[in-house]
PDB file of N, CA and C in Angstrom:
ATOM      1  N   MET A   1       8.617 -12.922  11.820  1.00  0.00           N
ATOM      2  CA  MET A   1       7.892 -12.146  10.830  1.00  0.00           C
ATOM      3  C   MET A   1       7.539 -13.017   9.634  1.00  0.00           C
ATOM      4  N   SER A   2       6.383 -12.756   9.097  1.00  0.00           N
ATOM      5  CA  SER A   2       5.883 -13.489   7.943  1.00  0.00           C
ATOM      6  C   SER A   2       5.784 -12.539   6.752  1.00  0.00           C
ATOM      7  N   LYS A   3       6.246 -12.991   5.588  1.00  0.00           N
ATOM      8  CA  LYS A   3       6.211 -12.167   4.384  1.00  0.00           C
ATOM      9  C   LYS A   3       5.316 -12.833   3.342  1.00  0.00           C
ATOM     10  N   LYS A   4       4.381 -12.033   2.765  1.00  0.00           N
ATOM     11  CA  LYS A   4       3.420 -12.577   1.818  1.00  0.00           C
ATOM     12  C   LYS A   4       3.425 -11.723   0.545  1.00  0.00           C
ATOM     13  N   ASP A   5       3.432 -12.396  -0.604  1.00  0.00           N
ATOM     14  CA  ASP A   5       3.354 -11.715  -1.889  1.00  0.00           C
ATOM     15  C   ASP A   5       1.904 -11.282  -2.127  1.00  0.00           C
ATOM     16  N   VAL A   6       1.672  -9.964  -2.229  1.00  0.00           N
ATOM     17  CA  VAL A   6       0.329  -9.430  -2.470  1.00  0.00           C
ATOM     18  C   VAL A   6       0.271  -8.654  -3.794  1.00  0.00           C
ATOM     19  N   THR A   7       1.170  -8.992  -4.698  1.00  0.00           N
ATOM     20  CA  THR A   7       1.236  -8.323  -5.995  1.00  0.00           C
ATOM     21  C   THR A   7      -0.092  -8.408  -6.740  1.00  0.00           C
ATOM     22  N   SER A   8      -0.822  -9.498  -6.574  1.00  0.00           N
ATOM     23  CA  SER A   8      -2.104  -9.674  -7.276  1.00  0.00           C
ATOM     24  C   SER A   8      -3.156  -8.642  -6.862  1.00  0.00           C
ATOM     25  N   LEU A   9      -2.932  -7.932  -5.763  1.00  0.00           N
ATOM     26  CA  LEU A   9      -3.880  -6.914  -5.296  1.00  0.00           C
ATOM     27  C   LEU A   9      -3.673  -5.555  -5.971  1.00  0.00           C
ATOM     28  N   ILE A  10      -2.602  -5.423  -6.765  1.00  0.00           N
ATOM     29  CA  ILE A  10      -2.290  -4.141  -7.399  1.00  0.00           C
ATOM     30  C   ILE A  10      -3.284  -3.838  -8.516  1.00  0.00           C
ATOM     31  N   GLU A  11      -3.770  -2.591  -8.499  1.00  0.00           N
ATOM     32  CA  GLU A  11      -4.637  -2.071  -9.556  1.00  0.00           C
ATOM     33  C   GLU A  11      -3.967  -0.832 -10.145  1.00  0.00           C
ATOM     34  N   ARG A  12      -3.751  -0.847 -11.455  1.00  0.00           N
ATOM     35  CA  ARG A  12      -3.206   0.306 -12.171  1.00  0.00           C
ATOM     36  C   ARG A  12      -4.338   0.995 -12.922  1.00  0.00           C
ATOM     37  N   LEU A  13      -4.219   2.297 -13.094  1.00  0.00           N
ATOM     38  CA  LEU A  13      -5.175   3.056 -13.890  1.00  0.00           C
ATOM     39  C   LEU A  13      -4.412   3.654 -15.067  1.00  0.00           C
ATOM     40  N   GLU A  14      -4.457   2.945 -16.187  1.00  0.00           N
ATOM     41  CA  GLU A  14      -3.630   3.297 -17.336  1.00  0.00           C
ATOM     42  C   GLU A  14      -3.970   4.673 -17.921  1.00  0.00           C
ATOM     43  N   LYS A  15      -5.217   5.122 -17.815  1.00  0.00           N
ATOM     44  CA  LYS A  15      -5.563   6.469 -18.295  1.00  0.00           C
ATOM     45  C   LYS A  15      -4.816   7.537 -17.498  1.00  0.00           C
ATOM     46  N   PHE A  16      -4.643   7.304 -16.211  1.00  0.00           N
ATOM     47  CA  PHE A  16      -3.895   8.237 -15.380  1.00  0.00           C
ATOM     48  C   PHE A  16      -2.414   8.207 -15.747  1.00  0.00           C
ATOM     49  N   GLU A  17      -1.908   7.026 -16.067  1.00  0.00           N
ATOM     50  CA  GLU A  17      -0.515   6.901 -16.499  1.00  0.00           C
ATOM     51  C   GLU A  17      -0.292   7.690 -17.786  1.00  0.00           C
ATOM     52  N   GLN A  18      -1.208   7.547 -18.745  1.00  0.00           N
ATOM     53  CA  GLN A  18      -1.103   8.287 -20.008  1.00  0.00           C
ATOM     54  C   GLN A  18      -1.093   9.792 -19.750  1.00  0.00           C
ATOM     55  N   ARG A  19      -2.011  10.234 -18.908  1.00  0.00           N
ATOM     56  CA  ARG A  19      -2.119  11.672 -18.618  1.00  0.00           C
ATOM     57  C   ARG A  19      -0.861  12.213 -17.943  1.00  0.00           C
ATOM     58  N   ALA A  20      -0.259  11.424 -17.062  1.00  0.00           N
ATOM     59  CA  ALA A  20       0.946  11.856 -16.351  1.00  0.00           C
ATOM     60  C   ALA A  20       2.212  11.664 -17.180  1.00  0.00           C
ATOM     61  N   GLY A  21       2.113  10.925 -18.297  1.00  0.00           N
ATOM     62  CA  GLY A  21       3.274  10.727 -19.158  1.00  0.00           C
ATOM     63  C   GLY A  21       4.226   9.646 -18.697  1.00  0.00           C
ATOM     64  N   VAL A  22       3.728   8.737 -17.837  1.00  0.00           N
ATOM     65  CA  VAL A  22       4.566   7.632 -17.351  1.00  0.00           C
ATOM     66  C   VAL A  22       3.841   6.303 -17.539  1.00  0.00           C
ATOM     67  N   ARG A  23       4.617   5.244 -17.605  1.00  0.00           N
ATOM     68  CA  ARG A  23       4.094   3.884 -17.671  1.00  0.00           C
ATOM     69  C   ARG A  23       4.706   3.127 -16.492  1.00  0.00           C
ATOM     70  N   LEU A  24       3.882   2.531 -15.665  1.00  0.00           N
ATOM     71  CA  LEU A  24       4.371   1.787 -14.505  1.00  0.00           C
ATOM     72  C   LEU A  24       4.622   0.344 -14.915  1.00  0.00           C
ATOM     73  N   GLU A  25       5.802  -0.164 -14.588  1.00  0.00           N
ATOM     74  CA  GLU A  25       6.195  -1.514 -14.992  1.00  0.00           C
ATOM     75  C   GLU A  25       6.845  -2.241 -13.823  1.00  0.00           C
ATOM     76  N   ALA A  26       6.950  -3.548 -13.972  1.00  0.00           N
ATOM     77  CA  ALA A  26       7.667  -4.420 -13.032  1.00  0.00           C
ATOM     78  C   ALA A  26       7.204  -4.218 -11.588  1.00  0.00           C
ATOM     79  N   LEU A  27       5.906  -4.027 -11.399  1.00  0.00           N
ATOM     80  CA  LEU A  27       5.367  -3.755 -10.066  1.00  0.00           C
ATOM     81  C   LEU A  27       5.303  -5.025  -9.217  1.00  0.00           C
ATOM     82  N   SER A  28       5.614  -4.857  -7.945  1.00  0.00           N
ATOM     83  CA  SER A  28       5.469  -5.940  -6.976  1.00  0.00           C
ATOM     84  C   SER A  28       5.021  -5.348  -5.653  1.00  0.00           C
ATOM     85  N   ALA A  29       4.382  -6.185  -4.840  1.00  0.00           N
ATOM     86  CA  ALA A  29       3.946  -5.752  -3.510  1.00  0.00           C
ATOM     87  C   ALA A  29       4.078  -6.925  -2.551  1.00  0.00           C
ATOM     88  N   PHE A  30       4.623  -6.642  -1.371  1.00  0.00           N
ATOM     89  CA  PHE A  30       4.795  -7.648  -0.335  1.00  0.00           C
ATOM     90  C   PHE A  30       4.333  -7.081   0.992  1.00  0.00           C
ATOM     91  N   ALA A  31       3.609  -7.902   1.761  1.00  0.00           N
ATOM     92  CA  ALA A  31       3.177  -7.527   3.105  1.00  0.00           C
ATOM     93  C   ALA A  31       3.985  -8.352   4.099  1.00  0.00           C
ATOM     94  N   GLU A  32       4.570  -7.663   5.050  1.00  0.00           N
ATOM     95  CA  GLU A  32       5.365  -8.331   6.081  1.00  0.00           C
ATOM     96  C   GLU A  32       4.744  -8.025   7.434  1.00  0.00           C
ATOM     97  N   SER A  33       4.337  -9.079   8.152  1.00  0.00           N
ATOM     98  CA  SER A  33       3.635  -8.882   9.419  1.00  0.00           C
ATOM     99  C   SER A  33       4.478  -9.352  10.594  1.00  0.00           C
ATOM    100  N   ASP A  34       4.141  -8.790  11.776  1.00  0.00           N
ATOM    101  CA  ASP A  34       4.775  -9.256  13.001  1.00  0.00           C
ATOM    102  C   ASP A  34       3.719  -9.927  13.877  1.00  0.00           C
ATOM    103  N   ASP A  35       4.086 -10.362  15.050  1.00  0.00           N
ATOM    104  CA  ASP A  35       3.184 -11.103  15.933  1.00  0.00           C
ATOM    105  C   ASP A  35       2.085 -10.240  16.553  1.00  0.00           C
ATOM    106  N   ASP A  36       2.228  -8.911  16.503  1.00  0.00           N
ATOM    107  CA  ASP A  36       1.263  -8.006  17.120  1.00  0.00           C
ATOM    108  C   ASP A  36       0.164  -7.550  16.158  1.00  0.00           C
ATOM    109  N   GLY A  37       0.128  -8.083  14.933  1.00  0.00           N
ATOM    110  CA  GLY A  37      -0.877  -7.677  13.963  1.00  0.00           C
ATOM    111  C   GLY A  37      -0.496  -6.458  13.157  1.00  0.00           C
ATOM    112  N   GLU A  38       0.679  -5.920  13.412  1.00  0.00           N
ATOM    113  CA  GLU A  38       1.188  -4.797  12.630  1.00  0.00           C
ATOM    114  C   GLU A  38       1.826  -5.355  11.369  1.00  0.00           C
ATOM    115  N   PHE A  39       1.678  -4.637  10.259  1.00  0.00           N
ATOM    116  CA  PHE A  39       2.384  -5.073   9.071  1.00  0.00           C
ATOM    117  C   PHE A  39       2.757  -3.897   8.186  1.00  0.00           C
ATOM    118  N   THR A  40       3.759  -4.138   7.359  1.00  0.00           N
ATOM    119  CA  THR A  40       4.259  -3.149   6.417  1.00  0.00           C
ATOM    120  C   THR A  40       4.047  -3.679   5.010  1.00  0.00           C
ATOM    121  N   VAL A  41       3.493  -2.838   4.150  1.00  0.00           N
ATOM    122  CA  VAL A  41       3.338  -3.184   2.740  1.00  0.00           C
ATOM    123  C   VAL A  41       4.406  -2.424   1.971  1.00  0.00           C
ATOM    124  N   THR A  42       5.175  -3.147   1.177  1.00  0.00           N
ATOM    125  CA  THR A  42       6.221  -2.562   0.344  1.00  0.00           C
ATOM    126  C   THR A  42       5.810  -2.735  -1.110  1.00  0.00           C
ATOM    127  N   VAL A  43       5.767  -1.628  -1.832  1.00  0.00           N
ATOM    128  CA  VAL A  43       5.430  -1.641  -3.249  1.00  0.00           C
ATOM    129  C   VAL A  43       6.636  -1.124  -4.014  1.00  0.00           C
ATOM    130  N   ARG A  44       7.061  -1.899  -5.000  1.00  0.00           N
ATOM    131  CA  ARG A  44       8.223  -1.517  -5.807  1.00  0.00           C
ATOM    132  C   ARG A  44       7.889  -1.648  -7.281  1.00  0.00           C
ATOM    133  N   GLY A  45       8.612  -0.905  -8.097  1.00  0.00           N
ATOM    134  CA  GLY A  45       8.440  -0.984  -9.540  1.00  0.00           C
ATOM    135  C   GLY A  45       9.251   0.094 -10.221  1.00  0.00           C
ATOM    136  N   GLU A  46       8.958   0.308 -11.482  1.00  0.00           N
ATOM    137  CA  GLU A  46       9.642   1.333 -12.259  1.00  0.00           C
ATOM    138  C   GLU A  46       8.618   2.228 -12.938  1.00  0.00           C
ATOM    139  N   ALA A  47       8.941   3.516 -13.008  1.00  0.00           N
ATOM    140  CA  ALA A  47       8.157   4.485 -13.767  1.00  0.00           C
ATOM    141  C   ALA A  47       8.983   4.869 -14.984  1.00  0.00           C
ATOM    142  N   HIS A  48       8.445   4.584 -16.173  1.00  0.00           N
ATOM    143  CA  HIS A  48       9.121   4.887 -17.433  1.00  0.00           C
ATOM    144  C   HIS A  48       8.421   6.058 -18.108  1.00  0.00           C
ATOM    145  N   SER A  49       9.212   6.913 -18.740  1.00  0.00           N
ATOM    146  CA  SER A  49       8.644   7.993 -19.532  1.00  0.00           C
ATOM    147  C   SER A  49       7.969   7.411 -20.762  1.00  0.00           C
ATOM    148  N   ILE A  50       6.777   7.883 -21.087  1.00  0.00           N
ATOM    149  CA  ILE A  50       6.061   7.411 -22.268  1.00  0.00           C
ATOM    150  C   ILE A  50       6.659   8.012 -23.539  1.00  0.00           C
ATOM    151  N   LYS A  51       7.098   9.255 -23.446  1.00  0.00           N
ATOM    152  CA  LYS A  51       7.646   9.957 -24.614  1.00  0.00           C
ATOM    153  C   LYS A  51       9.104  10.305 -24.370  1.00  0.00           C
ATOM    154  N   GLY A  52       9.988   9.571 -25.018  1.00  0.00           N
ATOM    155  CA  GLY A  52      11.408   9.876 -24.899  1.00  0.00           C
ATOM    156  C   GLY A  52      11.980   9.482 -23.555  1.00  0.00           C
ATOM    157  N   ASP A  53      12.998  10.218 -23.153  1.00  0.00           N
ATOM    158  CA  ASP A  53      13.717   9.901 -21.918  1.00  0.00           C
ATOM    159  C   ASP A  53      13.398  10.837 -20.763  1.00  0.00           C
ATOM    160  N   ASN A  54      12.597  11.860 -21.003  1.00  0.00           N
ATOM    161  CA  ASN A  54      12.346  12.873 -19.983  1.00  0.00           C
ATOM    162  C   ASN A  54      10.864  12.980 -19.656  1.00  0.00           C
ATOM    163  N   LEU A  55      10.601  13.645 -18.542  1.00  0.00           N
ATOM    164  CA  LEU A  55       9.228  13.993 -18.165  1.00  0.00           C
ATOM    165  C   LEU A  55       9.042  15.483 -18.420  1.00  0.00           C
ATOM    166  N   SER A  56       7.880  15.865 -18.904  1.00  0.00           N
ATOM    167  CA  SER A  56       7.620  17.280 -19.158  1.00  0.00           C
ATOM    168  C   SER A  56       7.198  18.020 -17.887  1.00  0.00           C
ATOM    169  N   HIS A  57       6.929  17.274 -16.797  1.00  0.00           N
ATOM    170  CA  HIS A  57       6.506  17.867 -15.531  1.00  0.00           C
ATOM    171  C   HIS A  57       6.796  16.866 -14.404  1.00  0.00           C
ATOM    172  N   ASP A  58       6.805  17.356 -13.186  1.00  0.00           N
ATOM    173  CA  ASP A  58       6.997  16.484 -12.029  1.00  0.00           C
ATOM    174  C   ASP A  58       5.773  15.593 -11.850  1.00  0.00           C
ATOM    175  N   VAL A  59       5.998  14.392 -11.312  1.00  0.00           N
ATOM    176  CA  VAL A  59       4.919  13.419 -11.129  1.00  0.00           C
ATOM    177  C   VAL A  59       5.006  12.832  -9.722  1.00  0.00           C
ATOM    178  N   SER A  60       3.875  12.679  -9.075  1.00  0.00           N
ATOM    179  CA  SER A  60       3.780  11.940  -7.815  1.00  0.00           C
ATOM    180  C   SER A  60       3.087  10.612  -8.105  1.00  0.00           C
ATOM    181  N   VAL A  61       3.680   9.522  -7.653  1.00  0.00           N
ATOM    182  CA  VAL A  61       3.062   8.214  -7.791  1.00  0.00           C
ATOM    183  C   VAL A  61       2.438   7.890  -6.436  1.00  0.00           C
ATOM    184  N   VAL A  62       1.105   7.873  -6.394  1.00  0.00           N
ATOM    185  CA  VAL A  62       0.369   7.692  -5.147  1.00  0.00           C
ATOM    186  C   VAL A  62      -0.009   6.212  -5.000  1.00  0.00           C
ATOM    187  N   VAL A  63       0.322   5.652  -3.842  1.00  0.00           N
ATOM    188  CA  VAL A  63      -0.008   4.268  -3.516  1.00  0.00           C
ATOM    189  C   VAL A  63      -1.055   4.307  -2.409  1.00  0.00           C
ATOM    190  N   SER A  64      -2.254   3.772  -2.698  1.00  0.00           N
ATOM    191  CA  SER A  64      -3.334   3.742  -1.714  1.00  0.00           C
ATOM    192  C   SER A  64      -3.705   2.299  -1.414  1.00  0.00           C
ATOM    193  N   LEU A  65      -3.891   1.995  -0.140  1.00  0.00           N
ATOM    194  CA  LEU A  65      -4.265   0.654   0.304  1.00  0.00           C
ATOM    195  C   LEU A  65      -5.711   0.672   0.778  1.00  0.00           C
ATOM    196  N   PHE A  66      -6.474  -0.336   0.359  1.00  0.00           N
ATOM    197  CA  PHE A  66      -7.897  -0.421   0.685  1.00  0.00           C
ATOM    198  C   PHE A  66      -8.178  -1.693   1.472  1.00  0.00           C
ATOM    199  N   ASP A  67      -9.144  -1.604   2.387  1.00  0.00           N
ATOM    200  CA  ASP A  67      -9.583  -2.809   3.099  1.00  0.00           C
ATOM    201  C   ASP A  67     -10.752  -3.438   2.346  1.00  0.00           C
ATOM    202  N   LYS A  68     -11.314  -4.514   2.891  1.00  0.00           N
ATOM    203  CA  LYS A  68     -12.390  -5.248   2.213  1.00  0.00           C
ATOM    204  C   LYS A  68     -13.681  -4.441   2.103  1.00  0.00           C
ATOM    205  N   ALA A  69     -13.841  -3.408   2.932  1.00  0.00           N
ATOM    206  CA  ALA A  69     -15.019  -2.548   2.859  1.00  0.00           C
ATOM    207  C   ALA A  69     -14.837  -1.408   1.853  1.00  0.00           C
ATOM    208  N   GLY A  70     -13.686  -1.368   1.179  1.00  0.00           N
ATOM    209  CA  GLY A  70     -13.427  -0.335   0.189  1.00  0.00           C
ATOM    210  C   GLY A  70     -12.909   0.963   0.752  1.00  0.00           C
ATOM    211  N   ARG A  71     -12.512   0.954   2.027  1.00  0.00           N
ATOM    212  CA  ARG A  71     -11.990   2.159   2.674  1.00  0.00           C
ATOM    213  C   ARG A  71     -10.489   2.266   2.462  1.00  0.00           C
ATOM    214  N   VAL A  72     -10.005   3.491   2.281  1.00  0.00           N
ATOM    215  CA  VAL A  72      -8.559   3.725   2.219  1.00  0.00           C
ATOM    216  C   VAL A  72      -8.022   3.602   3.638  1.00  0.00           C
ATOM    217  N   VAL A  73      -7.069   2.685   3.834  1.00  0.00           N
ATOM    218  CA  VAL A  73      -6.529   2.444   5.171  1.00  0.00           C
ATOM    219  C   VAL A  73      -5.052   2.824   5.271  1.00  0.00           C
ATOM    220  N   GLY A  74      -4.467   3.231   4.158  1.00  0.00           N
ATOM    221  CA  GLY A  74      -3.086   3.681   4.170  1.00  0.00           C
ATOM    222  C   GLY A  74      -2.721   4.266   2.829  1.00  0.00           C
ATOM    223  N   THR A  75      -1.811   5.229   2.848  1.00  0.00           N
ATOM    224  CA  THR A  75      -1.377   5.847   1.600  1.00  0.00           C
ATOM    225  C   THR A  75       0.018   6.433   1.756  1.00  0.00           C
ATOM    226  N   THR A  76       0.705   6.504   0.649  1.00  0.00           N
ATOM    227  CA  THR A  76       2.007   7.153   0.586  1.00  0.00           C
ATOM    228  C   THR A  76       2.231   7.554  -0.858  1.00  0.00           C
ATOM    229  N   SER A  77       3.273   8.321  -1.125  1.00  0.00           N
ATOM    230  CA  SER A  77       3.567   8.691  -2.502  1.00  0.00           C
ATOM    231  C   SER A  77       5.075   8.783  -2.726  1.00  0.00           C
ATOM    232  N   GLU A  78       5.437   8.613  -3.968  1.00  0.00           N
ATOM    233  CA  GLU A  78       6.819   8.740  -4.421  1.00  0.00           C
ATOM    234  C   GLU A  78       6.855   9.888  -5.425  1.00  0.00           C
ATOM    235  N   TYR A  79       7.849  10.748  -5.299  1.00  0.00           N
ATOM    236  CA  TYR A  79       7.950  11.944  -6.130  1.00  0.00           C
ATOM    237  C   TYR A  79       8.981  11.741  -7.234  1.00  0.00           C
ATOM    238  N   LEU A  80       8.600  12.046  -8.468  1.00  0.00           N
ATOM    239  CA  LEU A  80       9.512  11.970  -9.613  1.00  0.00           C
ATOM    240  C   LEU A  80       9.792  13.393 -10.086  1.00  0.00           C
ATOM    241  N   ASP A  81      11.012  13.839  -9.917  1.00  0.00           N
ATOM    242  CA  ASP A  81      11.429  15.192 -10.284  1.00  0.00           C
ATOM    243  C   ASP A  81      11.828  15.212 -11.754  1.00  0.00           C
ATOM    244  N   SER A  82      11.123  15.991 -12.557  1.00  0.00           N
ATOM    245  CA  SER A  82      11.377  16.022 -14.002  1.00  0.00           C
ATOM    246  C   SER A  82      12.785  16.520 -14.328  1.00  0.00           C
ATOM    247  N   ASP A  83      13.356  17.363 -13.476  1.00  0.00           N
ATOM    248  CA  ASP A  83      14.716  17.869 -13.724  1.00  0.00           C
ATOM    249  C   ASP A  83      15.775  16.781 -13.591  1.00  0.00           C
ATOM    250  N   ASN A  84      15.519  15.773 -12.778  1.00  0.00           N
ATOM    251  CA  ASN A  84      16.501  14.703 -12.535  1.00  0.00           C
ATOM    252  C   ASN A  84      16.108  13.376 -13.171  1.00  0.00           C
ATOM    253  N   PHE A  85      15.013  13.348 -13.908  1.00  0.00           N
ATOM    254  CA  PHE A  85      14.496  12.110 -14.489  1.00  0.00           C
ATOM    255  C   PHE A  85      15.154  11.855 -15.838  1.00  0.00           C
ATOM    256  N   PHE A  86      15.567  10.606 -16.065  1.00  0.00           N
ATOM    257  CA  PHE A  86      16.089  10.231 -17.377  1.00  0.00           C
ATOM    258  C   PHE A  86      15.670   8.801 -17.689  1.00  0.00           C
ATOM    259  N   GLY A  87      14.665   8.647 -18.520  1.00  0.00           N
ATOM    260  CA  GLY A  87      14.237   7.329 -18.987  1.00  0.00           C
ATOM    261  C   GLY A  87      13.297   6.598 -18.059  1.00  0.00           C
ATOM    262  N   PHE A  88      13.786   6.248 -16.876  1.00  0.00           N
ATOM    263  CA  PHE A  88      12.959   5.571 -15.883  1.00  0.00           C
ATOM    264  C   PHE A  88      13.529   5.812 -14.500  1.00  0.00           C
ATOM    265  N   GLU A  89      12.692   5.556 -13.511  1.00  0.00           N
ATOM    266  CA  GLU A  89      13.123   5.678 -12.117  1.00  0.00           C
ATOM    267  C   GLU A  89      12.439   4.594 -11.297  1.00  0.00           C
ATOM    268  N   THR A  90      13.141   4.086 -10.312  1.00  0.00           N
ATOM    269  CA  THR A  90      12.605   3.051  -9.446  1.00  0.00           C
ATOM    270  C   THR A  90      11.693   3.667  -8.381  1.00  0.00           C
ATOM    271  N   ILE A  91      10.589   2.993  -8.127  1.00  0.00           N
ATOM    272  CA  ILE A  91       9.654   3.376  -7.066  1.00  0.00           C
ATOM    273  C   ILE A  91       9.832   2.385  -5.920  1.00  0.00           C
ATOM    274  N   ASP A  92       9.894   2.899  -4.711  1.00  0.00           N
ATOM    275  CA  ASP A  92      10.073   2.063  -3.528  1.00  0.00           C
ATOM    276  C   ASP A  92       9.244   2.679  -2.406  1.00  0.00           C
ATOM    277  N   ALA A  93       8.001   2.232  -2.245  1.00  0.00           N
ATOM    278  CA  ALA A  93       7.060   2.842  -1.310  1.00  0.00           C
ATOM    279  C   ALA A  93       6.728   1.891  -0.164  1.00  0.00           C
ATOM    280  N   TYR A  94       6.609   2.442   1.049  1.00  0.00           N
ATOM    281  CA  TYR A  94       6.295   1.662   2.249  1.00  0.00           C
ATOM    282  C   TYR A  94       5.087   2.266   2.948  1.00  0.00           C
ATOM    283  N   VAL A  95       4.178   1.392   3.406  1.00  0.00           N
ATOM    284  CA  VAL A  95       3.036   1.840   4.203  1.00  0.00           C
ATOM    285  C   VAL A  95       2.890   0.885   5.377  1.00  0.00           C
ATOM    286  N   GLU A  96       2.795   1.435   6.590  1.00  0.00           N
ATOM    287  CA  GLU A  96       2.588   0.620   7.788  1.00  0.00           C
ATOM    288  C   GLU A  96       1.106   0.610   8.133  1.00  0.00           C
ATOM    289  N   LEU A  97       0.600  -0.582   8.472  1.00  0.00           N
ATOM    290  CA  LEU A  97      -0.808  -0.750   8.822  1.00  0.00           C
ATOM    291  C   LEU A  97      -0.929  -1.547  10.112  1.00  0.00           C
ATOM    292  N   SER A  98      -2.115  -1.436  10.727  1.00  0.00           N
ATOM    293  CA  SER A  98      -2.357  -2.167  11.960  1.00  0.00           C
ATOM    294  C   SER A  98      -3.778  -2.706  11.971  1.00  0.00           C
ATOM    295  N   GLY A  99      -3.912  -3.992  12.241  1.00  0.00           N
ATOM    296  CA  GLY A  99      -5.199  -4.624  12.506  1.00  0.00           C
ATOM    297  C   GLY A  99      -6.260  -4.489  11.434  1.00  0.00           C
ATOM    298  N   THR A 100      -5.910  -4.527  10.193  1.00  0.00           N
ATOM    299  CA  THR A 100      -6.898  -4.453   9.125  1.00  0.00           C
ATOM    300  C   THR A 100      -6.543  -5.461   8.043  1.00  0.00           C
ATOM    301  N   SER A 101      -7.516  -5.788   7.227  1.00  0.00           N
ATOM    302  CA  SER A 101      -7.243  -6.702   6.123  1.00  0.00           C
ATOM    303  C   SER A 101      -7.014  -5.887   4.849  1.00  0.00           C
ATOM    304  N   LEU A 102      -6.126  -6.338   4.029  1.00  0.00           N
ATOM    305  CA  LEU A 102      -5.774  -5.650   2.798  1.00  0.00           C
ATOM    306  C   LEU A 102      -6.508  -6.298   1.631  1.00  0.00           C
ATOM    307  N   ALA A 103      -7.240  -5.484   0.841  1.00  0.00           N
ATOM    308  CA  ALA A 103      -8.024  -6.030  -0.269  1.00  0.00           C
ATOM    309  C   ALA A 103      -7.569  -5.502  -1.629  1.00  0.00           C
ATOM    310  N   LYS A 104      -6.978  -4.288  -1.652  1.00  0.00           N
ATOM    311  CA  LYS A 104      -6.581  -3.706  -2.934  1.00  0.00           C
ATOM    312  C   LYS A 104      -5.458  -2.705  -2.712  1.00  0.00           C
ATOM    313  N   ILE A 105      -4.559  -2.642  -3.707  1.00  0.00           N
ATOM    314  CA  ILE A 105      -3.481  -1.654  -3.726  1.00  0.00           C
ATOM    315  C   ILE A 105      -3.628  -0.901  -5.045  1.00  0.00           C
ATOM    316  N   ARG A 106      -3.961   0.371  -4.969  1.00  0.00           N
ATOM    317  CA  ARG A 106      -4.125   1.181  -6.195  1.00  0.00           C
ATOM    318  C   ARG A 106      -2.903   2.093  -6.328  1.00  0.00           C
ATOM    319  N   ILE A 107      -2.328   2.095  -7.543  1.00  0.00           N
ATOM    320  CA  ILE A 107      -1.158   2.932  -7.823  1.00  0.00           C
ATOM    321  C   ILE A 107      -1.530   3.895  -8.946  1.00  0.00           C
ATOM    322  N   VAL A 108      -1.466   5.198  -8.629  1.00  0.00           N
ATOM    323  CA  VAL A 108      -1.905   6.228  -9.569  1.00  0.00           C
ATOM    324  C   VAL A 108      -0.849   7.328  -9.674  1.00  0.00           C
ATOM    325  N   PRO A 109      -0.325   7.555 -10.877  1.00  0.00           N
ATOM    326  CA  PRO A 109       0.567   8.702 -11.057  1.00  0.00           C
ATOM    327  C   PRO A 109      -0.254   9.980 -11.267  1.00  0.00           C
ATOM    328  N   LYS A 110       0.201  11.072 -10.660  1.00  0.00           N
ATOM    329  CA  LYS A 110      -0.476  12.347 -10.786  1.00  0.00           C
ATOM    330  C   LYS A 110       0.542  13.431 -11.125  1.00  0.00           C
ATOM    331  N   VAL A 111       0.141  14.340 -11.993  1.00  0.00           N
ATOM    332  CA  VAL A 111       0.990  15.464 -12.320  1.00  0.00           C
ATOM    333  C   VAL A 111       1.086  16.359 -11.090  1.00  0.00           C
ATOM    334  N   SER A 112       2.310  16.732 -10.719  1.00  0.00           N
ATOM    335  CA  SER A 112       2.540  17.593  -9.561  1.00  0.00           C
ATOM    336  C   SER A 112       2.743  19.034 -10.025  1.00  0.00           C
ATOM    337  N   ASP A 113       2.273  19.966  -9.225  1.00  0.00           N
ATOM    338  CA  ASP A 113       2.464  21.390  -9.550  1.00  0.00           C
ATOM    339  C   ASP A 113       3.837  21.855  -9.132  1.00  0.00           C
TER     340      ASP A 113
END
């Protein structure tokens, strides 16, 4: 297996972070491939509360992977429960892909109902 640092492909949307009340920090992304062309992208980081130590609502952090044609080729999300949140929480997201090239990783926090 081969492991490649793809952190430079991460795109944050700070307006969405402001709206959701979180700031994403210490983000990293690594792609690990096998001999069959299958690979897993792992995205890690921290979600910090912008105001104080708590969140006023639940938040989903959505990780979307794009190919060179701008198509979404994989997605996953991490859920932040406002009842159990204090200060910050670690994000650890995995997406499995097959036979495509990775061009961008977009990370967007969204307010959950």
